[in-house]
């Protein structure tokens, strides 16, 4: 059984369309899409192949994984 994910918070999009990402209370950067998010998680020691974007450990604020820009 895989180890549970640490708490991951993806904050609402900022005016440039990026979303701040925190992993286990550490800000890891600004993601501009799912590819960026998965790279940040890989750098945090997680296997991107094992991460499911609908995992309850991922808290999406201001919209889910399909929201990466602000409405005009």
Protein backbone atom coordinates (compact mmCIF):
# COMPACT_ATOMS: atom_id res chain seq x y z
CA UNK A 1 0.00 0.00 0.00
CA UNK A 2 1.47 3.39 -0.95
CA UNK A 3 2.32 5.89 1.75
CA UNK A 4 -0.30 8.64 2.15
CA UNK A 5 0.49 12.00 0.61
CA UNK A 6 1.47 14.91 2.83
CA UNK A 7 -1.02 17.76 2.84
CA UNK A 8 -0.69 19.64 -0.45
CA UNK A 9 -2.39 23.03 -0.85
CA UNK A 10 -2.86 24.60 -4.27
CA UNK A 11 -3.88 28.22 -3.71
CA UNK A 12 -6.24 30.24 -5.95
CA UNK A 13 -4.85 31.63 -9.21
CA UNK A 14 -3.06 34.96 -8.92
CA UNK A 15 -3.42 37.68 -11.60
CA UNK A 16 -0.66 36.09 -13.71
CA UNK A 17 -2.51 32.74 -13.67
CA UNK A 18 -0.06 30.93 -11.42
CA UNK A 19 -1.04 29.16 -8.22
CA UNK A 20 1.17 28.99 -5.12
CA UNK A 21 1.78 25.43 -4.00
CA UNK A 22 2.58 24.25 -0.48
CA UNK A 23 3.65 20.74 0.47
CA UNK A 24 3.65 19.85 4.17
CA UNK A 25 3.65 23.54 5.19
CA UNK A 26 6.55 24.43 2.86
CA UNK A 27 5.91 26.73 -0.10
CA UNK A 28 7.46 24.99 -3.09
CA UNK A 29 6.68 27.50 -5.85
CA UNK A 30 4.12 28.86 -8.28
CA UNK A 31 2.58 26.36 -10.71
CA UNK A 32 1.13 27.49 -14.03
CA UNK A 33 -0.37 24.11 -14.84
CA UNK A 34 -0.56 20.48 -13.80
CA UNK A 35 2.90 19.75 -15.26
CA UNK A 36 4.44 22.37 -12.95
CA UNK A 37 2.51 20.99 -9.98
CA UNK A 38 3.71 17.45 -10.62
CA UNK A 39 7.30 18.69 -10.96
CA UNK A 40 7.08 20.45 -7.59
CA UNK A 41 5.73 17.27 -6.03
CA UNK A 42 8.54 15.25 -7.61
CA UNK A 43 11.10 17.66 -6.15
CA UNK A 44 9.39 17.23 -2.77
CA UNK A 45 10.12 13.51 -2.98
CA UNK A 46 6.77 12.25 -4.27
CA UNK A 47 6.33 10.00 -7.28
CA UNK A 48 4.26 11.92 -9.88
CA UNK A 49 3.07 8.58 -11.30
CA UNK A 50 1.41 7.82 -7.95
CA UNK A 51 -0.22 11.24 -7.41
CA UNK A 52 -3.92 11.52 -8.20
CA UNK A 53 -5.16 15.08 -8.59
CA UNK A 54 -8.42 14.18 -6.84
CA UNK A 55 -6.62 12.76 -3.79
CA UNK A 56 -8.15 14.17 -0.56
CA UNK A 57 -4.64 15.21 0.54
CA UNK A 58 -4.62 17.84 -2.23
CA UNK A 59 -6.61 20.88 -1.16
CA UNK A 60 -7.60 22.92 -4.20
CA UNK A 61 -8.49 26.48 -3.24
CA UNK A 62 -10.18 28.69 -5.79
CA UNK A 63 -10.95 25.89 -8.24
CA UNK A 64 -9.73 22.44 -9.11
CA UNK A 65 -6.96 21.15 -11.35
CA UNK A 66 -8.49 22.66 -14.49
CA UNK A 67 -8.37 26.26 -13.19
CA UNK A 68 -5.04 28.00 -13.86
CA UNK A 69 -5.98 31.56 -14.77
CA UNK A 70 -8.29 34.24 -13.53
CA UNK A 71 -11.51 35.05 -15.31
CA UNK A 72 -11.48 38.21 -17.39
